[in-house]
mmCIF file of all heavy atoms, coordinates in Angstrom:
data_MODEL
# 
_entry.id   MODEL 
# 
loop_
_atom_site.group_PDB 
_atom_site.id 
_atom_site.type_symbol 
_atom_site.label_atom_id 
_atom_site.label_alt_id 
_atom_site.label_comp_id 
_atom_site.label_asym_id 
_atom_site.label_entity_id 
_atom_site.label_seq_id 
_atom_site.pdbx_PDB_ins_code 
_atom_site.Cartn_x 
_atom_site.Cartn_y 
_atom_site.Cartn_z 
_atom_site.occupancy 
_atom_site.B_iso_or_equiv 
_atom_site.pdbx_formal_charge 
_atom_site.auth_seq_id 
_atom_site.auth_comp_id 
_atom_site.auth_asym_id 
_atom_site.auth_atom_id 
_atom_site.pdbx_PDB_model_num 
ATOM 1   N N   . GLY A 1 1  ? -114.955 26.033 -196.806 1.00 0.00 ? 1  GLY A N   1 
ATOM 2   C CA  . GLY A 1 1  ? -114.106 25.281 -197.718 1.00 0.00 ? 1  GLY A CA  1 
ATOM 3   C C   . GLY A 1 1  ? -114.197 25.738 -199.157 1.00 0.00 ? 1  GLY A C   1 
ATOM 4   O O   . GLY A 1 1  ? -115.158 26.396 -199.564 1.00 0.00 ? 1  GLY A O   1 
ATOM 5   N N   . SER A 1 2  ? -113.177 25.350 -199.916 1.00 0.00 ? 2  SER A N   1 
ATOM 6   C CA  . SER A 1 2  ? -113.101 25.689 -201.332 1.00 0.00 ? 2  SER A CA  1 
ATOM 7   C C   . SER A 1 2  ? -112.453 24.543 -202.094 1.00 0.00 ? 2  SER A C   1 
ATOM 8   O O   . SER A 1 2  ? -111.545 23.884 -201.572 1.00 0.00 ? 2  SER A O   1 
ATOM 9   C CB  . SER A 1 2  ? -112.269 26.954 -201.555 1.00 0.00 ? 2  SER A CB  1 
ATOM 10  O OG  . SER A 1 2  ? -112.825 28.055 -200.864 1.00 0.00 ? 2  SER A OG  1 
ATOM 11  N N   . VAL A 1 3  ? -112.928 24.334 -203.325 1.00 0.00 ? 3  VAL A N   1 
ATOM 12  C CA  . VAL A 1 3  ? -112.304 23.383 -204.246 1.00 0.00 ? 3  VAL A CA  1 
ATOM 13  C C   . VAL A 1 3  ? -112.107 24.105 -205.579 1.00 0.00 ? 3  VAL A C   1 
ATOM 14  O O   . VAL A 1 3  ? -113.029 24.741 -206.088 1.00 0.00 ? 3  VAL A O   1 
ATOM 15  C CB  . VAL A 1 3  ? -113.164 22.121 -204.460 1.00 0.00 ? 3  VAL A CB  1 
ATOM 16  C CG1 . VAL A 1 3  ? -112.466 21.172 -205.435 1.00 0.00 ? 3  VAL A CG1 1 
ATOM 17  C CG2 . VAL A 1 3  ? -113.430 21.419 -203.138 1.00 0.00 ? 3  VAL A CG2 1 
ATOM 18  N N   . VAL A 1 4  ? -110.901 24.000 -206.134 1.00 0.00 ? 4  VAL A N   1 
ATOM 19  C CA  . VAL A 1 4  ? -110.566 24.691 -207.368 1.00 0.00 ? 4  VAL A CA  1 
ATOM 20  C C   . VAL A 1 4  ? -110.061 23.682 -208.399 1.00 0.00 ? 4  VAL A C   1 
ATOM 21  O O   . VAL A 1 4  ? -109.314 22.754 -208.050 1.00 0.00 ? 4  VAL A O   1 
ATOM 22  C CB  . VAL A 1 4  ? -109.487 25.772 -207.129 1.00 0.00 ? 4  VAL A CB  1 
ATOM 23  C CG1 . VAL A 1 4  ? -109.107 26.478 -208.422 1.00 0.00 ? 4  VAL A CG1 1 
ATOM 24  C CG2 . VAL A 1 4  ? -109.969 26.789 -206.098 1.00 0.00 ? 4  VAL A CG2 1 
ATOM 25  N N   . ASN A 1 5  ? -110.484 23.848 -209.649 1.00 0.00 ? 5  ASN A N   1 
ATOM 26  C CA  . ASN A 1 5  ? -109.910 23.072 -210.740 1.00 0.00 ? 5  ASN A CA  1 
ATOM 27  C C   . ASN A 1 5  ? -108.506 23.614 -210.987 1.00 0.00 ? 5  ASN A C   1 
ATOM 28  O O   . ASN A 1 5  ? -108.343 24.749 -211.429 1.00 0.00 ? 5  ASN A O   1 
ATOM 29  C CB  . ASN A 1 5  ? -110.775 23.201 -211.999 1.00 0.00 ? 5  ASN A CB  1 
ATOM 30  C CG  . ASN A 1 5  ? -110.274 22.365 -213.157 1.00 0.00 ? 5  ASN A CG  1 
ATOM 31  O OD1 . ASN A 1 5  ? -109.067 22.248 -213.381 1.00 0.00 ? 5  ASN A OD1 1 
ATOM 32  N ND2 . ASN A 1 5  ? -111.190 21.790 -213.907 1.00 0.00 ? 5  ASN A ND2 1 
ATOM 33  N N   . ALA A 1 6  ? -107.494 22.817 -210.681 1.00 0.00 ? 6  ALA A N   1 
ATOM 34  C CA  . ALA A 1 6  ? -106.113 23.297 -210.757 1.00 0.00 ? 6  ALA A CA  1 
ATOM 35  C C   . ALA A 1 6  ? -105.665 23.575 -212.181 1.00 0.00 ? 6  ALA A C   1 
ATOM 36  O O   . ALA A 1 6  ? -104.722 24.343 -212.402 1.00 0.00 ? 6  ALA A O   1 
ATOM 37  C CB  . ALA A 1 6  ? -105.169 22.273 -210.108 1.00 0.00 ? 6  ALA A CB  1 
ATOM 38  N N   . ALA A 1 7  ? -106.333 22.990 -213.157 1.00 0.00 ? 7  ALA A N   1 
ATOM 39  C CA  . ALA A 1 7  ? -105.958 23.199 -214.554 1.00 0.00 ? 7  ALA A CA  1 
ATOM 40  C C   . ALA A 1 7  ? -106.522 24.500 -215.112 1.00 0.00 ? 7  ALA A C   1 
ATOM 41  O O   . ALA A 1 7  ? -105.884 25.164 -215.925 1.00 0.00 ? 7  ALA A O   1 
ATOM 42  C CB  . ALA A 1 7  ? -106.428 22.023 -215.417 1.00 0.00 ? 7  ALA A CB  1 
ATOM 43  N N   . THR A 1 8  ? -107.725 24.886 -214.656 1.00 0.00 ? 8  THR A N   1 
ATOM 44  C CA  . THR A 1 8  ? -108.388 26.070 -215.200 1.00 0.00 ? 8  THR A CA  1 
ATOM 45  C C   . THR A 1 8  ? -108.469 27.229 -214.222 1.00 0.00 ? 8  THR A C   1 
ATOM 46  O O   . THR A 1 8  ? -108.729 28.362 -214.628 1.00 0.00 ? 8  THR A O   1 
ATOM 47  C CB  . THR A 1 8  ? -109.823 25.716 -215.641 1.00 0.00 ? 8  THR A CB  1 
ATOM 48  O OG1 . THR A 1 8  ? -110.599 25.371 -214.473 1.00 0.00 ? 8  THR A OG1 1 
ATOM 49  C CG2 . THR A 1 8  ? -109.817 24.559 -216.618 1.00 0.00 ? 8  THR A CG2 1 
ATOM 50  N N   . GLY A 1 9  ? -108.306 26.958 -212.927 1.00 0.00 ? 9  GLY A N   1 
ATOM 51  C CA  . GLY A 1 9  ? -108.451 27.999 -211.915 1.00 0.00 ? 9  GLY A CA  1 
ATOM 52  C C   . GLY A 1 9  ? -109.887 28.259 -211.513 1.00 0.00 ? 9  GLY A C   1 
ATOM 53  O O   . GLY A 1 9  ? -110.157 29.134 -210.687 1.00 0.00 ? 9  GLY A O   1 
ATOM 54  N N   . GLU A 1 10 ? -110.833 27.495 -212.071 1.00 0.00 ? 10 GLU A N   1 
ATOM 55  C CA  . GLU A 1 10 ? -112.244 27.709 -211.765 1.00 0.00 ? 10 GLU A CA  1 
ATOM 56  C C   . GLU A 1 10 ? -112.578 27.159 -210.382 1.00 0.00 ? 10 GLU A C   1 
ATOM 57  O O   . GLU A 1 10 ? -112.206 26.040 -210.024 1.00 0.00 ? 10 GLU A O   1 
ATOM 58  C CB  . GLU A 1 10 ? -113.111 27.009 -212.808 1.00 0.00 ? 10 GLU A CB  1 
ATOM 59  C CG  . GLU A 1 10 ? -114.602 27.176 -212.571 1.00 0.00 ? 10 GLU A CG  1 
ATOM 60  C CD  . GLU A 1 10 ? -115.447 26.422 -213.579 1.00 0.00 ? 10 GLU A CD  1 
ATOM 61  O OE1 . GLU A 1 10 ? -114.858 25.716 -214.440 1.00 0.00 ? 10 GLU A OE1 1 
ATOM 62  O OE2 . GLU A 1 10 ? -116.686 26.522 -213.521 1.00 0.00 ? 10 GLU A OE2 1 
ATOM 63  N N   . VAL A 1 11 ? -113.291 27.963 -209.585 1.00 0.00 ? 11 VAL A N   1 
ATOM 64  C CA  . VAL A 1 11 ? -113.760 27.511 -208.278 1.00 0.00 ? 11 VAL A CA  1 
ATOM 65  C C   . VAL A 1 11 ? -114.985 26.628 -208.504 1.00 0.00 ? 11 VAL A C   1 
ATOM 66  O O   . VAL A 1 11 ? -116.011 27.086 -209.009 1.00 0.00 ? 11 VAL A O   1 
ATOM 67  C CB  . VAL A 1 11 ? -114.116 28.700 -207.368 1.00 0.00 ? 11 VAL A CB  1 
ATOM 68  C CG1 . VAL A 1 11 ? -114.686 28.195 -206.041 1.00 0.00 ? 11 VAL A CG1 1 
ATOM 69  C CG2 . VAL A 1 11 ? -112.887 29.561 -207.102 1.00 0.00 ? 11 VAL A CG2 1 
ATOM 70  N N   . LEU A 1 12 ? -114.881 25.368 -208.143 1.00 0.00 ? 12 LEU A N   1 
ATOM 71  C CA  . LEU A 1 12 ? -115.973 24.419 -208.357 1.00 0.00 ? 12 LEU A CA  1 
ATOM 72  C C   . LEU A 1 12 ? -116.905 24.339 -207.154 1.00 0.00 ? 12 LEU A C   1 
ATOM 73  O O   . LEU A 1 12 ? -118.095 24.042 -207.305 1.00 0.00 ? 12 LEU A O   1 
ATOM 74  C CB  . LEU A 1 12 ? -115.419 23.021 -208.650 1.00 0.00 ? 12 LEU A CB  1 
ATOM 75  C CG  . LEU A 1 12 ? -114.475 22.884 -209.847 1.00 0.00 ? 12 LEU A CG  1 
ATOM 76  C CD1 . LEU A 1 12 ? -114.092 21.424 -210.044 1.00 0.00 ? 12 LEU A CD1 1 
ATOM 77  C CD2 . LEU A 1 12 ? -115.105 23.458 -211.109 1.00 0.00 ? 12 LEU A CD2 1 
ATOM 78  N N   . PHE A 1 13 ? -116.354 24.592 -205.979 1.00 0.00 ? 13 PHE A N   1 
ATOM 79  C CA  . PHE A 1 13 ? -117.129 24.430 -204.744 1.00 0.00 ? 13 PHE A CA  1 
ATOM 80  C C   . PHE A 1 13 ? -116.687 25.507 -203.773 1.00 0.00 ? 13 PHE A C   1 
ATOM 81  O O   . PHE A 1 13 ? -115.482 25.749 -203.607 1.00 0.00 ? 13 PHE A O   1 
ATOM 82  C CB  . PHE A 1 13 ? -116.883 23.035 -204.165 1.00 0.00 ? 13 PHE A CB  1 
ATOM 83  C CG  . PHE A 1 13 ? -117.576 22.768 -202.855 1.00 0.00 ? 13 PHE A CG  1 
ATOM 84  C CD1 . PHE A 1 13 ? -118.889 22.319 -202.834 1.00 0.00 ? 13 PHE A CD1 1 
ATOM 85  C CD2 . PHE A 1 13 ? -116.923 22.954 -201.655 1.00 0.00 ? 13 PHE A CD2 1 
ATOM 86  C CE1 . PHE A 1 13 ? -119.526 22.059 -201.627 1.00 0.00 ? 13 PHE A CE1 1 
ATOM 87  C CE2 . PHE A 1 13 ? -117.549 22.700 -200.446 1.00 0.00 ? 13 PHE A CE2 1 
ATOM 88  C CZ  . PHE A 1 13 ? -118.858 22.241 -200.436 1.00 0.00 ? 13 PHE A CZ  1 
ATOM 89  N N   . ASP A 1 14 ? -117.652 26.144 -203.128 1.00 0.00 ? 14 ASP A N   1 
ATOM 90  C CA  . ASP A 1 14 ? -117.310 27.235 -202.214 1.00 0.00 ? 14 ASP A CA  1 
ATOM 91  C C   . ASP A 1 14 ? -118.310 27.309 -201.075 1.00 0.00 ? 14 ASP A C   1 
ATOM 92  O O   . ASP A 1 14 ? -119.516 27.364 -201.296 1.00 0.00 ? 14 ASP A O   1 
ATOM 93  C CB  . ASP A 1 14 ? -117.295 28.567 -202.969 1.00 0.00 ? 14 ASP A CB  1 
ATOM 94  C CG  . ASP A 1 14 ? -116.887 29.735 -202.084 1.00 0.00 ? 14 ASP A CG  1 
ATOM 95  O OD1 . ASP A 1 14 ? -117.748 30.222 -201.332 1.00 0.00 ? 14 ASP A OD1 1 
ATOM 96  O OD2 . ASP A 1 14 ? -115.734 30.150 -202.145 1.00 0.00 ? 14 ASP A OD2 1 
ATOM 97  N N   . ARG A 1 15 ? -117.798 27.282 -199.875 1.00 0.00 ? 15 ARG A N   1 
ATOM 98  C CA  . ARG A 1 15 ? -118.590 27.521 -198.681 1.00 0.00 ? 15 ARG A CA  1 
ATOM 99  C C   . ARG A 1 15 ? -117.853 28.550 -197.832 1.00 0.00 ? 15 ARG A C   1 
ATOM 100 O O   . ARG A 1 15 ? -116.921 28.226 -197.108 1.00 0.00 ? 15 ARG A O   1 
ATOM 101 C CB  . ARG A 1 15 ? -118.799 26.224 -197.878 1.00 0.00 ? 15 ARG A CB  1 
ATOM 102 C CG  . ARG A 1 15 ? -119.658 25.186 -198.557 1.00 0.00 ? 15 ARG A CG  1 
ATOM 103 C CD  . ARG A 1 15 ? -121.108 25.642 -198.722 1.00 0.00 ? 15 ARG A CD  1 
ATOM 104 N NE  . ARG A 1 15 ? -121.942 24.584 -199.269 1.00 0.00 ? 15 ARG A NE  1 
ATOM 105 C CZ  . ARG A 1 15 ? -122.079 24.321 -200.543 1.00 0.00 ? 15 ARG A CZ  1 
ATOM 106 N NH1 . ARG A 1 15 ? -121.411 25.060 -201.447 1.00 0.00 ? 15 ARG A NH1 1 
ATOM 107 N NH2 . ARG A 1 15 ? -122.864 23.354 -200.962 1.00 0.00 ? 15 ARG A NH2 1 
ATOM 108 N N   . ASN A 1 16 ? -118.237 29.795 -197.981 1.00 0.00 ? 16 ASN A N   1 
ATOM 109 C CA  . ASN A 1 16 ? -117.578 30.897 -197.257 1.00 0.00 ? 16 ASN A CA  1 
ATOM 110 C C   . ASN A 1 16 ? -116.074 30.908 -197.513 1.00 0.00 ? 16 ASN A C   1 
ATOM 111 O O   . ASN A 1 16 ? -115.280 31.205 -196.609 1.00 0.00 ? 16 ASN A O   1 
ATOM 112 C CB  . ASN A 1 16 ? -117.855 30.804 -195.752 1.00 0.00 ? 16 ASN A CB  1 
ATOM 113 C CG  . ASN A 1 16 ? -119.326 30.951 -195.419 1.00 0.00 ? 16 ASN A CG  1 
ATOM 114 O OD1 . ASN A 1 16 ? -120.009 31.800 -195.972 1.00 0.00 ? 16 ASN A OD1 1 
ATOM 115 N ND2 . ASN A 1 16 ? -119.823 30.100 -194.534 1.00 0.00 ? 16 ASN A ND2 1 
ATOM 116 N N   . GLY A 1 17 ? -115.709 30.613 -198.734 1.00 0.00 ? 17 GLY A N   1 
ATOM 117 C CA  . GLY A 1 17 ? -114.290 30.488 -199.061 1.00 0.00 ? 17 GLY A CA  1 
ATOM 118 C C   . GLY A 1 17 ? -113.510 31.773 -198.970 1.00 0.00 ? 17 GLY A C   1 
ATOM 119 O O   . GLY A 1 17 ? -112.281 31.741 -198.841 1.00 0.00 ? 17 GLY A O   1 
ATOM 120 N N   . SER A 1 18 ? -114.169 32.908 -199.035 1.00 0.00 ? 18 SER A N   1 
ATOM 121 C CA  . SER A 1 18 ? -113.466 34.186 -198.951 1.00 0.00 ? 18 SER A CA  1 
ATOM 122 C C   . SER A 1 18 ? -113.381 34.721 -197.534 1.00 0.00 ? 18 SER A C   1 
ATOM 123 O O   . SER A 1 18 ? -112.821 35.791 -197.298 1.00 0.00 ? 18 SER A O   1 
ATOM 124 C CB  . SER A 1 18 ? -114.172 35.216 -199.836 1.00 0.00 ? 18 SER A CB  1 
ATOM 125 O OG  . SER A 1 18 ? -115.506 35.429 -199.397 1.00 0.00 ? 18 SER A OG  1 
ATOM 126 N N   . THR A 1 19 ? -113.924 33.973 -196.575 1.00 0.00 ? 19 THR A N   1 
ATOM 127 C CA  . THR A 1 19 ? -113.921 34.414 -195.182 1.00 0.00 ? 19 THR A CA  1 
ATOM 128 C C   . THR A 1 19 ? -112.640 33.977 -194.479 1.00 0.00 ? 19 THR A C   1 
ATOM 129 O O   . THR A 1 19 ? -112.369 32.778 -194.383 1.00 0.00 ? 19 THR A O   1 
ATOM 130 C CB  . THR A 1 19 ? -115.132 33.832 -194.428 1.00 0.00 ? 19 THR A CB  1 
ATOM 131 O OG1 . THR A 1 19 ? -116.334 34.217 -195.099 1.00 0.00 ? 19 THR A OG1 1 
ATOM 132 C CG2 . THR A 1 19 ? -115.158 34.332 -192.989 1.00 0.00 ? 19 THR A CG2 1 
ATOM 133 N N   . PRO A 1 20 ? -111.847 34.903 -193.964 1.00 0.00 ? 20 PRO A N   1 
ATOM 134 C CA  . PRO A 1 20 ? -110.625 34.518 -193.238 1.00 0.00 ? 20 PRO A CA  1 
ATOM 135 C C   . PRO A 1 20 ? -110.982 33.743 -191.972 1.00 0.00 ? 20 PRO A C   1 
ATOM 136 O O   . PRO A 1 20 ? -111.922 34.094 -191.254 1.00 0.00 ? 20 PRO A O   1 
ATOM 137 C CB  . PRO A 1 20 ? -109.972 35.868 -192.897 1.00 0.00 ? 20 PRO A CB  1 
ATOM 138 C CG  . PRO A 1 20 ? -110.573 36.851 -193.847 1.00 0.00 ? 20 PRO A CG  1 
ATOM 139 C CD  . PRO A 1 20 ? -111.975 36.372 -194.087 1.00 0.00 ? 20 PRO A CD  1 
ATOM 140 N N   . ALA A 1 21 ? -110.239 32.672 -191.717 1.00 0.00 ? 21 ALA A N   1 
ATOM 141 C CA  . ALA A 1 21 ? -110.523 31.836 -190.550 1.00 0.00 ? 21 ALA A CA  1 
ATOM 142 C C   . ALA A 1 21 ? -109.249 31.152 -190.077 1.00 0.00 ? 21 ALA A C   1 
ATOM 143 O O   . ALA A 1 21 ? -108.241 31.106 -190.782 1.00 0.00 ? 21 ALA A O   1 
ATOM 144 C CB  . ALA A 1 21 ? -111.592 30.803 -190.894 1.00 0.00 ? 21 ALA A CB  1 
ATOM 145 N N   . ARG A 1 22 ? -109.295 30.611 -188.875 1.00 0.00 ? 22 ARG A N   1 
ATOM 146 C CA  . ARG A 1 22 ? -108.150 29.884 -188.316 1.00 0.00 ? 22 ARG A CA  1 
ATOM 147 C C   . ARG A 1 22 ? -107.852 28.664 -189.173 1.00 0.00 ? 22 ARG A C   1 
ATOM 148 O O   . ARG A 1 22 ? -108.767 28.025 -189.710 1.00 0.00 ? 22 ARG A O   1 
ATOM 149 C CB  . ARG A 1 22 ? -108.449 29.499 -186.870 1.00 0.00 ? 22 ARG A CB  1 
ATOM 150 C CG  . ARG A 1 22 ? -109.566 28.507 -186.706 1.00 0.00 ? 22 ARG A CG  1 
ATOM 151 C CD  . ARG A 1 22 ? -110.171 28.514 -185.313 1.00 0.00 ? 22 ARG A CD  1 
ATOM 152 N NE  . ARG A 1 22 ? -110.855 29.766 -185.034 1.00 0.00 ? 22 ARG A NE  1 
ATOM 153 C CZ  . ARG A 1 22 ? -111.722 29.943 -184.030 1.00 0.00 ? 22 ARG A CZ  1 
ATOM 154 N NH1 . ARG A 1 22 ? -112.008 28.934 -183.213 1.00 0.00 ? 22 ARG A NH1 1 
ATOM 155 N NH2 . ARG A 1 22 ? -112.301 31.098 -183.851 1.00 0.00 ? 22 ARG A NH2 1 
ATOM 156 N N   . THR A 1 23 ? -106.589 28.336 -189.289 1.00 0.00 ? 23 THR A N   1 
ATOM 157 C CA  . THR A 1 23 ? -106.164 27.299 -190.234 1.00 0.00 ? 23 THR A CA  1 
ATOM 158 C C   . THR A 1 23 ? -105.610 26.048 -189.578 1.00 0.00 ? 23 THR A C   1 
ATOM 159 O O   . THR A 1 23 ? -105.475 25.030 -190.236 1.00 0.00 ? 23 THR A O   1 
ATOM 160 C CB  . THR A 1 23 ? -105.050 27.852 -191.133 1.00 0.00 ? 23 THR A CB  1 
ATOM 161 O OG1 . THR A 1 23 ? -103.915 28.161 -190.312 1.00 0.00 ? 23 THR A OG1 1 
ATOM 162 C CG2 . THR A 1 23 ? -105.495 29.101 -191.863 1.00 0.00 ? 23 THR A CG2 1 
ATOM 163 N N   . GLY A 1 24 ? -105.247 26.137 -188.289 1.00 0.00 ? 24 GLY A N   1 
ATOM 164 C CA  . GLY A 1 24 ? -104.488 25.041 -187.719 1.00 0.00 ? 24 GLY A CA  1 
ATOM 165 C C   . GLY A 1 24 ? -103.164 24.900 -188.455 1.00 0.00 ? 24 GLY A C   1 
ATOM 166 O O   . GLY A 1 24 ? -102.658 25.858 -189.053 1.00 0.00 ? 24 GLY A O   1 
ATOM 167 N N   . SER A 1 25 ? -102.633 23.706 -188.473 1.00 0.00 ? 25 SER A N   1 
ATOM 168 C CA  . SER A 1 25 ? -101.304 23.491 -189.046 1.00 0.00 ? 25 SER A CA  1 
ATOM 169 C C   . SER A 1 25 ? -101.249 23.579 -190.560 1.00 0.00 ? 25 SER A C   1 
ATOM 170 O O   . SER A 1 25 ? -100.167 23.497 -191.142 1.00 0.00 ? 25 SER A O   1 
ATOM 171 C CB  . SER A 1 25 ? -100.751 22.140 -188.587 1.00 0.00 ? 25 SER A CB  1 
ATOM 172 O OG  . SER A 1 25 ? -100.412 22.191 -187.216 1.00 0.00 ? 25 SER A OG  1 
ATOM 173 N N   . VAL A 1 26 ? -102.405 23.751 -191.216 1.00 0.00 ? 26 VAL A N   1 
ATOM 174 C CA  . VAL A 1 26 ? -102.383 24.041 -192.653 1.00 0.00 ? 26 VAL A CA  1 
ATOM 175 C C   . VAL A 1 26 ? -101.535 25.282 -192.911 1.00 0.00 ? 26 VAL A C   1 
ATOM 176 O O   . VAL A 1 26 ? -100.935 25.427 -193.987 1.00 0.00 ? 26 VAL A O   1 
ATOM 177 C CB  . VAL A 1 26 ? -103.824 24.227 -193.177 1.00 0.00 ? 26 VAL A CB  1 
ATOM 178 C CG1 . VAL A 1 26 ? -103.845 24.920 -194.527 1.00 0.00 ? 26 VAL A CG1 1 
ATOM 179 C CG2 . VAL A 1 26 ? -104.516 22.865 -193.284 1.00 0.00 ? 26 VAL A CG2 1 
ATOM 180 N N   . LEU A 1 27 ? -101.435 26.161 -191.923 1.00 0.00 ? 27 LEU A N   1 
ATOM 181 C CA  . LEU A 1 27 ? -100.638 27.376 -192.075 1.00 0.00 ? 27 LEU A CA  1 
ATOM 182 C C   . LEU A 1 27 ? -99.169  27.064 -192.369 1.00 0.00 ? 27 LEU A C   1 
ATOM 183 O O   . LEU A 1 27 ? -98.452  27.883 -192.961 1.00 0.00 ? 27 LEU A O   1 
ATOM 184 C CB  . LEU A 1 27 ? -100.732 28.242 -190.814 1.00 0.00 ? 27 LEU A CB  1 
ATOM 185 C CG  . LEU A 1 27 ? -100.136 29.636 -190.942 1.00 0.00 ? 27 LEU A CG  1 
ATOM 186 C CD1 . LEU A 1 27 ? -101.021 30.524 -191.805 1.00 0.00 ? 27 LEU A CD1 1 
ATOM 187 C CD2 . LEU A 1 27 ? -99.925  30.278 -189.583 1.00 0.00 ? 27 LEU A CD2 1 
# 
């Protein structure tokens, strides 16, 4: 998972956020 500050673009929280993975219907 990943959480980003939408105003600044700063990644606040990251757990393997750069790893490609299945998305389900989020796609």
